[in-house]
Every structure is written in C-alpha cells, then in structure tokens.
Amino acid sequence: MDRVAVISDLHGNVTAFTAVLEDLRRRGISTVYNLGDVAGKGPRGSECVRLSRLHCAVTVRGNWDDFLPSETPEWRDDAGWWWHRELTPEDRRWLQSLPLSHDLSLSGRRIRMFHASAKSVYHRVHARHTDDEFDGMFAATELTGDGPAPDVVCYGDIHDAFVSTYRSRTLVNVGSVGNPLDEPQASYVILEGEPDGGRSDPFGIQFVRVAYDVEAEIAVAAELGMPALEAYAIELRTAVYRGQHARLGLLDAART
C-alpha cells in the first residue's frame, strides 16, 4: 500500500512548511505532490521554492506562481514587488516552467491534481459550488489535456479543506499549508492505495492538521520588513482573510 501526501498553497511560509515536512518524515511518507502557490503573501518564497524542488515529486503551477514571476507592473503594489524581488531569477524561471496538472493512479482510481480548476489557475471553485462547477472539475480541458476522466480530483487555491463525493466522483480540496483560511493550522492530505491495484483494493483520503509556531513566522516577516505584515499576521492567527479586497467588502471576489 502506497501513501502519498498532497500539499498546496505554501505562500512563502517556511515555518508551516517545515512543520509539515517533519510530520511527513515521522509518518514515513516521502512522496509529496504540491498543488502550487509556492511563494507570495509570506516572507520566504525563495526558500519555499528551494524546499519544494527538494522534497516534492511534482509541483503544479498556481495563480501566484503564474503572475508573481512576471515583470509586468500594472497590478503591483509595494508588497507585490517585494514578493517578486524576494525570488531569484532562477526561482522565477522554475515557477513559470511548472506543469498545470498531474495525474496518477491508486487502487484503480485515476487521480487528477491541479491548483484551482480544470478551466484555469485563476478560475475559483469554492466549497459551496454548483453541480455544473463540480462536473467542470472532472472535464478534459486545454489545461488538463486529453485522457480518461478522473475519479478523484485534488485541488488547492481556496485555502479551505473539504471533500465531496457524488456518483462515484470525489472532489478534494487539500487546504493550505502556509495560509489556511478555515482554521489556523497547516492542512494537507494523505492518499493511500495500491499503485497497480484495482477498485477492489482499499483507497483512503486522510486530512491532516499540523500546528506550527505562528508567532515565529510573523516575527520573521517583521524582521525582513515584509509589507502587508498586519494583514498576514491576522490571517495566520485567526484564519480570517484580511487582504485588500476584504477591506473593500469583496471577500468572495478575491479571497486568496
């Protein structure tokens, strides 16, 4: 029986990421899939890139991985440029080179992994979704490529862990390691199954929460002079989104 970990949304939070890696080490899990948004929002995106390259079998591209390396300035405030410049040129090249999706098989189930949706790294599907949105997560698109339809889809993006099963299809949001917005502990998922098995073999999905030193992470951000520190600290301490759009009353429009 194989056990693999699926993580997402590190967002430059090395304290949370290293706590999760230590939890995985204790559990004897060495295969890790990363669903993107490696950098940005937190102070150490470059180190999260290094650790992702070292420990993750596959990292797929998230929305932050897509726009943060760009030199296009229109959207950026001081914080955006700070997160951009904290990355090295090689970090930016690596983020831009990441695949958009990845498939694997466990216990006869085809598992598809991407950051936000089958439509785009920028198309958000919340925990409360329509039947059409659910169906769309299992579709073959330009992002996913052709191939058999998946039985299980794992994604990140919304920082809000959940699982939903309908007509033998299972949608899993693995939550966020570095910026969870459902409870203030790092979240990830363990998948368990037989790599060459069939549907008669056991298959498991386990959600894991890992406590980490939130105040130490905030202290690092303060020491490094990271902009948007107040909003970051509130989010880590309370799991309540405090970005610019929340202050404008547009929480659901741009939560993460």
C-alpha atoms as a PDB file:
ATOM      1  CA  MET A   1       0.000   0.000   0.000  1.00  0.00           C
ATOM      2  CA  ASP A   2       1.429   3.390  -1.047  1.00  0.00           C
ATOM      3  CA  ARG A   3       0.895   6.572   0.949  1.00  0.00           C
ATOM      4  CA  VAL A   4       1.465   9.924  -0.721  1.00  0.00           C
ATOM      5  CA  ALA A   5       0.969  13.456   0.535  1.00  0.00           C
ATOM      6  CA  VAL A   6      -0.758  16.279  -1.330  1.00  0.00           C
ATOM      7  CA  ILE A   7       0.031  19.810  -0.171  1.00  0.00           C
ATOM      8  CA  SER A   8      -0.849  23.241  -1.520  1.00  0.00           C
ATOM      9  CA  ASP A   9      -0.568  26.987  -1.019  1.00  0.00           C
ATOM     10  CA  LEU A  10       2.697  27.311   0.887  1.00  0.00           C
ATOM     11  CA  HIS A  11       2.705  31.067   0.225  1.00  0.00           C
ATOM     12  CA  GLY A  12       6.221  31.683   1.484  1.00  0.00           C
ATOM     13  CA  ASN A  13       5.508  30.336   4.973  1.00  0.00           C
ATOM     14  CA  VAL A  14       8.629  28.295   5.711  1.00  0.00           C
ATOM     15  CA  THR A  15       7.706  27.734   9.372  1.00  0.00           C
ATOM     16  CA  ALA A  16       4.498  25.933   8.390  1.00  0.00           C
ATOM     17  CA  PHE A  17       6.125  24.062   5.508  1.00  0.00           C
ATOM     18  CA  THR A  18       8.969  22.681   7.620  1.00  0.00           C
ATOM     19  CA  ALA A  19       6.462  21.586  10.294  1.00  0.00           C
ATOM     20  CA  VAL A  20       4.529  19.657   7.641  1.00  0.00           C
ATOM     21  CA  LEU A  21       7.721  18.125   6.232  1.00  0.00           C
ATOM     22  CA  GLU A  22       8.665  16.976   9.738  1.00  0.00           C
ATOM     23  CA  ASP A  23       5.188  15.465  10.205  1.00  0.00           C
ATOM     24  CA  LEU A  24       5.607  13.604   6.919  1.00  0.00           C
ATOM     25  CA  ARG A  25       9.039  12.367   7.987  1.00  0.00           C
ATOM     26  CA  ARG A  26       7.569  10.968  11.215  1.00  0.00           C
ATOM     27  CA  ARG A  27       4.857   9.187   9.228  1.00  0.00           C
ATOM     28  CA  GLY A  28       7.387   7.734   6.787  1.00  0.00           C
ATOM     29  CA  ILE A  29       5.835   9.465   3.758  1.00  0.00           C
ATOM     30  CA  SER A  30       8.404  10.501   1.162  1.00  0.00           C
ATOM     31  CA  THR A  31       6.303  11.153  -1.956  1.00  0.00           C
ATOM     32  CA  VAL A  32       4.816  14.644  -1.933  1.00  0.00           C
ATOM     33  CA  TYR A  33       2.715  16.376  -4.591  1.00  0.00           C
ATOM     34  CA  ASN A  34       2.451  20.168  -4.426  1.00  0.00           C
ATOM     35  CA  LEU A  35      -0.580  21.943  -5.912  1.00  0.00           C
ATOM     36  CA  GLY A  36       1.055  25.332  -6.252  1.00  0.00           C
ATOM     37  CA  ASP A  37       1.111  28.890  -4.915  1.00  0.00           C
ATOM     38  CA  VAL A  38       4.590  28.331  -3.542  1.00  0.00           C
ATOM     39  CA  ALA A  39       5.518  31.999  -2.969  1.00  0.00           C
ATOM     40  CA  GLY A  40       3.875  35.323  -2.204  1.00  0.00           C
ATOM     41  CA  LYS A  41       1.869  36.539   0.813  1.00  0.00           C
ATOM     42  CA  GLY A  42       4.571  35.250   3.180  1.00  0.00           C
ATOM     43  CA  PRO A  43       8.178  36.375   3.601  1.00  0.00           C
ATOM     44  CA  ARG A  44      10.264  33.440   2.325  1.00  0.00           C
ATOM     45  CA  GLY A  45       9.034  32.427  -1.107  1.00  0.00           C
ATOM     46  CA  SER A  46      12.521  31.670  -2.368  1.00  0.00           C
ATOM     47  CA  GLU A  47      13.154  29.187   0.440  1.00  0.00           C
ATOM     48  CA  CYS A  48       9.766  27.561  -0.191  1.00  0.00           C
ATOM     49  CA  VAL A  49      10.803  27.173  -3.828  1.00  0.00           C
ATOM     50  CA  ARG A  50      14.048  25.506  -2.739  1.00  0.00           C
ATOM     51  CA  LEU A  51      12.263  23.149  -0.357  1.00  0.00           C
ATOM     52  CA  SER A  52       9.608  22.327  -2.946  1.00  0.00           C
ATOM     53  CA  ARG A  53      12.236  21.436  -5.505  1.00  0.00           C
ATOM     54  CA  LEU A  54      13.996  19.281  -2.916  1.00  0.00           C
ATOM     55  CA  HIS A  55      11.030  17.444  -1.413  1.00  0.00           C
ATOM     56  CA  CYS A  56       8.156  17.416  -3.930  1.00  0.00           C
ATOM     57  CA  ALA A  57       7.928  14.816  -6.672  1.00  0.00           C
ATOM     58  CA  VAL A  58       5.738  17.185  -8.711  1.00  0.00           C
ATOM     59  CA  THR A  59       4.719  20.814  -8.215  1.00  0.00           C
ATOM     60  CA  VAL A  60       1.937  22.181 -10.409  1.00  0.00           C
ATOM     61  CA  ARG A  61       1.526  25.854 -11.212  1.00  0.00           C
ATOM     62  CA  GLY A  62      -0.760  28.041  -9.124  1.00  0.00           C
ATOM     63  CA  ASN A  63      -2.097  31.510  -9.849  1.00  0.00           C
ATOM     64  CA  TRP A  64       0.638  33.168  -7.747  1.00  0.00           C
ATOM     65  CA  ASP A  65       3.276  31.028  -9.465  1.00  0.00           C
ATOM     66  CA  ASP A  66       1.865  32.260 -12.772  1.00  0.00           C
ATOM     67  CA  PHE A  67       1.753  36.015 -12.135  1.00  0.00           C
ATOM     68  CA  LEU A  68       4.367  36.649  -9.446  1.00  0.00           C
ATOM     69  CA  PRO A  69       7.435  35.983 -11.664  1.00  0.00           C
ATOM     70  CA  SER A  70       6.170  38.405 -14.324  1.00  0.00           C
ATOM     71  CA  GLU A  71       7.876  41.769 -14.820  1.00  0.00           C
ATOM     72  CA  THR A  72       4.551  43.340 -15.857  1.00  0.00           C
ATOM     73  CA  PRO A  73       3.901  46.051 -13.294  1.00  0.00           C
ATOM     74  CA  GLU A  74       0.248  47.098 -13.673  1.00  0.00           C
ATOM     75  CA  TRP A  75      -1.244  45.199 -10.756  1.00  0.00           C
ATOM     76  CA  ARG A  76       1.600  45.524  -8.289  1.00  0.00           C
ATOM     77  CA  ASP A  77       1.699  47.494  -5.085  1.00  0.00           C
ATOM     78  CA  ASP A  78       4.761  47.650  -2.812  1.00  0.00           C
ATOM     79  CA  ALA A  79       4.003  44.217  -1.345  1.00  0.00           C
ATOM     80  CA  GLY A  80       3.683  42.656  -4.789  1.00  0.00           C
ATOM     81  CA  TRP A  81       7.062  43.970  -5.885  1.00  0.00           C
ATOM     82  CA  TRP A  82       8.620  42.894  -2.568  1.00  0.00           C
ATOM     83  CA  TRP A  83       7.431  39.277  -3.076  1.00  0.00           C
ATOM     84  CA  HIS A  84       8.558  39.378  -6.707  1.00  0.00           C
ATOM     85  CA  ARG A  85      12.053  40.633  -5.858  1.00  0.00           C
ATOM     86  CA  GLU A  86      12.455  38.208  -2.957  1.00  0.00           C
ATOM     87  CA  LEU A  87      12.555  35.443  -5.592  1.00  0.00           C
ATOM     88  CA  THR A  88      15.759  34.837  -7.522  1.00  0.00           C
ATOM     89  CA  PRO A  89      15.730  34.833 -11.345  1.00  0.00           C
ATOM     90  CA  GLU A  90      16.097  31.036 -11.226  1.00  0.00           C
ATOM     91  CA  ASP A  91      13.126  30.804  -8.811  1.00  0.00           C
ATOM     92  CA  ARG A  92      11.008  32.782 -11.276  1.00  0.00           C
ATOM     93  CA  ARG A  93      12.053  30.623 -14.231  1.00  0.00           C
ATOM     94  CA  TRP A  94      11.223  27.457 -12.307  1.00  0.00           C
ATOM     95  CA  LEU A  95       7.787  28.722 -11.253  1.00  0.00           C
ATOM     96  CA  GLN A  96       6.957  29.686 -14.834  1.00  0.00           C
ATOM     97  CA  SER A  97       8.016  26.229 -16.058  1.00  0.00           C
ATOM     98  CA  LEU A  98       5.665  24.271 -13.783  1.00  0.00           C
ATOM     99  CA  PRO A  99       3.049  21.979 -15.344  1.00  0.00           C
ATOM    100  CA  LEU A 100      -0.623  22.847 -14.988  1.00  0.00           C
ATOM    101  CA  SER A 101      -1.856  19.410 -13.931  1.00  0.00           C
ATOM    102  CA  HIS A 102      -0.649  15.937 -12.987  1.00  0.00           C
ATOM    103  CA  ASP A 103      -2.365  12.529 -12.978  1.00  0.00           C
ATOM    104  CA  LEU A 104      -1.619   9.339 -11.075  1.00  0.00           C
ATOM    105  CA  SER A 105      -3.426   6.105 -10.227  1.00  0.00           C
ATOM    106  CA  LEU A 106      -4.081   4.451  -6.876  1.00  0.00           C
ATOM    107  CA  SER A 107      -6.349   1.428  -6.285  1.00  0.00           C
ATOM    108  CA  GLY A 108      -7.810   1.674  -9.767  1.00  0.00           C
ATOM    109  CA  ARG A 109      -8.738   5.334  -9.374  1.00  0.00           C
ATOM    110  CA  ARG A 110      -7.401   7.986 -11.734  1.00  0.00           C
ATOM    111  CA  ILE A 111      -6.434  10.968  -9.596  1.00  0.00           C
ATOM    112  CA  ARG A 112      -6.016  14.396 -11.180  1.00  0.00           C
ATOM    113  CA  MET A 113      -4.230  17.262  -9.448  1.00  0.00           C
ATOM    114  CA  PHE A 114      -4.277  20.950 -10.341  1.00  0.00           C
ATOM    115  CA  HIS A 115      -4.302  24.239  -8.487  1.00  0.00           C
ATOM    116  CA  ALA A 116      -7.696  25.903  -8.921  1.00  0.00           C
ATOM    117  CA  SER A 117      -9.844  24.246 -11.587  1.00  0.00           C
ATOM    118  CA  ALA A 118      -9.727  22.388 -14.883  1.00  0.00           C
ATOM    119  CA  LYS A 119     -10.502  25.684 -16.615  1.00  0.00           C
ATOM    120  CA  SER A 120      -7.684  27.923 -15.347  1.00  0.00           C
ATOM    121  CA  VAL A 121      -5.319  28.602 -12.462  1.00  0.00           C
ATOM    122  CA  TYR A 122      -7.423  31.754 -11.983  1.00  0.00           C
ATOM    123  CA  HIS A 123     -10.879  30.140 -12.046  1.00  0.00           C
ATOM    124  CA  ARG A 124     -12.027  29.581  -8.472  1.00  0.00           C
ATOM    125  CA  VAL A 125     -14.381  26.818  -7.279  1.00  0.00           C
ATOM    126  CA  HIS A 126     -15.475  27.191  -3.663  1.00  0.00           C
ATOM    127  CA  ALA A 127     -16.543  24.546  -1.173  1.00  0.00           C
ATOM    128  CA  ARG A 128     -20.117  25.618  -1.869  1.00  0.00           C
ATOM    129  CA  HIS A 129     -20.399  25.034  -5.600  1.00  0.00           C
ATOM    130  CA  THR A 130     -22.994  24.235  -8.235  1.00  0.00           C
ATOM    131  CA  ASP A 131     -23.473  20.883  -9.936  1.00  0.00           C
ATOM    132  CA  ASP A 132     -22.049  22.387 -13.117  1.00  0.00           C
ATOM    133  CA  GLU A 133     -18.943  23.590 -11.250  1.00  0.00           C
ATOM    134  CA  PHE A 134     -18.488  20.099  -9.758  1.00  0.00           C
ATOM    135  CA  ASP A 135     -18.782  18.486 -13.210  1.00  0.00           C
ATOM    136  CA  GLY A 136     -16.333  21.011 -14.649  1.00  0.00           C
ATOM    137  CA  MET A 137     -13.621  19.932 -12.244  1.00  0.00           C
ATOM    138  CA  PHE A 138     -13.595  16.477 -13.900  1.00  0.00           C
ATOM    139  CA  ALA A 139     -13.655  17.717 -17.505  1.00  0.00           C
ATOM    140  CA  ALA A 140     -10.875  17.301 -20.066  1.00  0.00           C
ATOM    141  CA  THR A 141      -9.715  20.804 -20.980  1.00  0.00           C
ATOM    142  CA  GLU A 142      -6.769  22.582 -22.516  1.00  0.00           C
ATOM    143  CA  LEU A 143      -5.306  22.820 -19.002  1.00  0.00           C
ATOM    144  CA  THR A 144      -5.621  19.092 -18.191  1.00  0.00           C
ATOM    145  CA  GLY A 145      -5.083  17.650 -21.668  1.00  0.00           C
ATOM    146  CA  ASP A 146      -6.884  14.663 -23.156  1.00  0.00           C
ATOM    147  CA  GLY A 147      -7.203  11.339 -21.425  1.00  0.00           C
ATOM    148  CA  PRO A 148      -9.595   9.296 -19.310  1.00  0.00           C
ATOM    149  CA  ALA A 149     -11.791  11.271 -16.956  1.00  0.00           C
ATOM    150  CA  PRO A 150     -10.534  11.270 -13.351  1.00  0.00           C
ATOM    151  CA  ASP A 151     -12.333   9.567 -10.492  1.00  0.00           C
ATOM    152  CA  VAL A 152     -10.719  11.845  -7.897  1.00  0.00           C
ATOM    153  CA  VAL A 153      -9.697  15.486  -8.276  1.00  0.00           C
ATOM    154  CA  CYS A 154      -7.408  17.168  -5.747  1.00  0.00           C
ATOM    155  CA  TYR A 155      -7.014  20.937  -5.792  1.00  0.00           C
ATOM    156  CA  GLY A 156      -5.995  23.882  -3.605  1.00  0.00           C
ATOM    157  CA  ASP A 157      -6.475  27.613  -4.206  1.00  0.00           C
ATOM    158  CA  ILE A 158      -9.337  28.363  -1.791  1.00  0.00           C
ATOM    159  CA  HIS A 159      -7.371  27.566   1.410  1.00  0.00           C
ATOM    160  CA  ASP A 160     -10.451  25.746   2.740  1.00  0.00           C
ATOM    161  CA  ALA A 161     -10.215  21.950   3.075  1.00  0.00           C
ATOM    162  CA  PHE A 162     -13.195  19.753   2.181  1.00  0.00           C
ATOM    163  CA  VAL A 163     -14.221  16.543   0.422  1.00  0.00           C
ATOM    164  CA  SER A 164     -17.334  15.954  -1.693  1.00  0.00           C
ATOM    165  CA  THR A 165     -18.371  12.673  -3.370  1.00  0.00           C
ATOM    166  CA  TYR A 166     -21.134  12.384  -5.953  1.00  0.00           C
ATOM    167  CA  ARG A 167     -21.863   9.486  -8.316  1.00  0.00           C
ATOM    168  CA  SER A 168     -18.502   7.805  -7.704  1.00  0.00           C
ATOM    169  CA  ARG A 169     -16.501  11.001  -8.282  1.00  0.00           C
ATOM    170  CA  THR A 170     -14.659  12.638  -5.398  1.00  0.00           C
ATOM    171  CA  LEU A 171     -13.565  16.267  -5.201  1.00  0.00           C
ATOM    172  CA  VAL A 172     -10.917  17.020  -2.580  1.00  0.00           C
ATOM    173  CA  ASN A 173      -9.590  20.390  -1.526  1.00  0.00           C
ATOM    174  CA  VAL A 174      -6.394  19.784   0.420  1.00  0.00           C
ATOM    175  CA  GLY A 175      -6.455  23.167   2.183  1.00  0.00           C
ATOM    176  CA  SER A 176      -3.379  25.322   2.660  1.00  0.00           C
ATOM    177  CA  VAL A 177      -0.073  24.687   4.379  1.00  0.00           C
ATOM    178  CA  GLY A 178       1.045  28.303   4.678  1.00  0.00           C
ATOM    179  CA  ASN A 179      -2.143  30.392   4.703  1.00  0.00           C
ATOM    180  CA  PRO A 180      -5.117  28.288   5.866  1.00  0.00           C
ATOM    181  CA  LEU A 181      -8.412  30.185   5.972  1.00  0.00           C
ATOM    182  CA  ASP A 182     -10.603  27.618   7.699  1.00  0.00           C
ATOM    183  CA  GLU A 183      -8.607  27.086  10.904  1.00  0.00           C
ATOM    184  CA  PRO A 184      -5.150  28.399  11.859  1.00  0.00           C
ATOM    185  CA  GLN A 185      -3.198  25.171  11.431  1.00  0.00           C
ATOM    186  CA  ALA A 186      -1.411  23.881   8.348  1.00  0.00           C
ATOM    187  CA  SER A 187      -3.527  21.481   6.289  1.00  0.00           C
ATOM    188  CA  TYR A 188      -2.619  18.688   3.879  1.00  0.00           C
ATOM    189  CA  VAL A 189      -3.999  15.357   2.637  1.00  0.00           C
ATOM    190  CA  ILE A 190      -2.671  11.799   2.602  1.00  0.00           C
ATOM    191  CA  LEU A 191      -3.829   9.475  -0.184  1.00  0.00           C
ATOM    192  CA  GLU A 192      -3.460   5.743   0.375  1.00  0.00           C
ATOM    193  CA  GLY A 193      -3.868   2.974  -2.191  1.00  0.00           C
ATOM    194  CA  GLU A 194      -2.276   0.350  -4.385  1.00  0.00           C
ATOM    195  CA  PRO A 195      -0.353   1.887  -7.323  1.00  0.00           C
ATOM    196  CA  ASP A 196      -1.066  -1.093  -9.593  1.00  0.00           C
ATOM    197  CA  GLY A 197      -4.288  -2.105  -7.909  1.00  0.00           C
ATOM    198  CA  GLY A 198      -7.947  -2.188  -8.856  1.00  0.00           C
ATOM    199  CA  ARG A 199     -11.167  -0.756  -7.476  1.00  0.00           C
ATOM    200  CA  SER A 200     -11.454  -3.721  -5.106  1.00  0.00           C
ATOM    201  CA  ASP A 201      -8.309  -2.566  -3.278  1.00  0.00           C
ATOM    202  CA  PRO A 202      -8.652  -0.181  -0.330  1.00  0.00           C
ATOM    203  CA  PHE A 203      -8.360   3.531  -1.013  1.00  0.00           C
ATOM    204  CA  GLY A 204      -8.118   6.229   1.641  1.00  0.00           C
ATOM    205  CA  ILE A 205      -8.201  10.011   1.950  1.00  0.00           C
ATOM    206  CA  GLN A 206      -6.949  11.479   5.229  1.00  0.00           C
ATOM    207  CA  PHE A 207      -6.937  15.159   6.173  1.00  0.00           C
ATOM    208  CA  VAL A 208      -4.109  16.199   8.474  1.00  0.00           C
ATOM    209  CA  ARG A 209      -3.727  19.362  10.537  1.00  0.00           C
ATOM    210  CA  VAL A 210      -0.295  20.378  11.781  1.00  0.00           C
ATOM    211  CA  ALA A 211       0.280  23.014  14.449  1.00  0.00           C
ATOM    212  CA  TYR A 212       3.270  25.299  13.928  1.00  0.00           C
ATOM    213  CA  ASP A 213       4.777  28.379  15.570  1.00  0.00           C
ATOM    214  CA  VAL A 214       2.642  31.136  14.065  1.00  0.00           C
ATOM    215  CA  GLU A 215       4.315  33.874  16.123  1.00  0.00           C
ATOM    216  CA  ALA A 216       7.760  32.788  14.943  1.00  0.00           C
ATOM    217  CA  GLU A 217       6.627  33.066  11.321  1.00  0.00           C
ATOM    218  CA  ILE A 218       5.177  36.539  11.921  1.00  0.00           C
ATOM    219  CA  ALA A 219       8.419  37.570  13.625  1.00  0.00           C
ATOM    220  CA  VAL A 220      10.420  36.526  10.552  1.00  0.00           C
ATOM    221  CA  ALA A 221       8.153  38.591   8.309  1.00  0.00           C
ATOM    222  CA  ALA A 222       8.589  41.603  10.599  1.00  0.00           C
ATOM    223  CA  GLU A 223      12.369  41.187  10.758  1.00  0.00           C
ATOM    224  CA  LEU A 224      12.605  41.045   6.974  1.00  0.00           C
ATOM    225  CA  GLY A 225      10.482  44.174   6.614  1.00  0.00           C
ATOM    226  CA  MET A 226       7.749  42.494   4.582  1.00  0.00           C
ATOM    227  CA  PRO A 227       4.932  44.845   3.508  1.00  0.00           C
ATOM    228  CA  ALA A 228       1.322  43.855   4.301  1.00  0.00           C
ATOM    229  CA  LEU A 229       2.546  42.431   7.611  1.00  0.00           C
ATOM    230  CA  GLU A 230      -0.588  43.320   9.600  1.00  0.00           C
ATOM    231  CA  ALA A 231      -2.932  41.503   7.224  1.00  0.00           C
ATOM    232  CA  TYR A 232      -0.583  38.499   7.101  1.00  0.00           C
ATOM    233  CA  ALA A 233      -0.401  38.290  10.898  1.00  0.00           C
ATOM    234  CA  ILE A 234      -4.181  38.429  11.275  1.00  0.00           C
ATOM    235  CA  GLU A 235      -4.672  35.706   8.678  1.00  0.00           C
ATOM    236  CA  LEU A 236      -2.152  33.363  10.316  1.00  0.00           C
ATOM    237  CA  ARG A 237      -3.519  33.939  13.822  1.00  0.00           C
ATOM    238  CA  THR A 238      -7.236  33.807  13.040  1.00  0.00           C
ATOM    239  CA  ALA A 239      -7.660  32.146   9.616  1.00  0.00           C
ATOM    240  CA  VAL A 240      -9.750  35.181   8.610  1.00  0.00           C
ATOM    241  CA  TYR A 241      -8.866  36.796   5.292  1.00  0.00           C
ATOM    242  CA  ARG A 242      -7.648  40.386   5.719  1.00  0.00           C
ATOM    243  CA  GLY A 243      -6.313  41.329   2.284  1.00  0.00           C
ATOM    244  CA  GLN A 244      -7.176  44.458   0.355  1.00  0.00           C
ATOM    245  CA  HIS A 245     -10.377  43.073  -1.142  1.00  0.00           C
ATOM    246  CA  ALA A 246     -11.712  42.136   2.285  1.00  0.00           C
ATOM    247  CA  ARG A 247     -11.297  45.749   3.374  1.00  0.00           C
ATOM    248  CA  LEU A 248     -13.274  46.772   0.296  1.00  0.00           C
ATOM    249  CA  GLY A 249     -16.035  44.317   1.129  1.00  0.00           C
ATOM    250  CA  LEU A 250     -15.144  41.988  -1.759  1.00  0.00           C
ATOM    251  CA  LEU A 251     -14.122  38.898   0.218  1.00  0.00           C
ATOM    252  CA  ASP A 252     -15.667  36.291  -2.098  1.00  0.00           C
ATOM    253  CA  ALA A 253     -14.437  38.016  -5.243  1.00  0.00           C
ATOM    254  CA  ALA A 254     -10.747  37.608  -4.411  1.00  0.00           C
ATOM    255  CA  ARG A 255     -10.341  35.681  -1.200  1.00  0.00           C
ATOM    256  CA  THR A 256      -6.855  34.336  -1.875  1.00  0.00           C
END
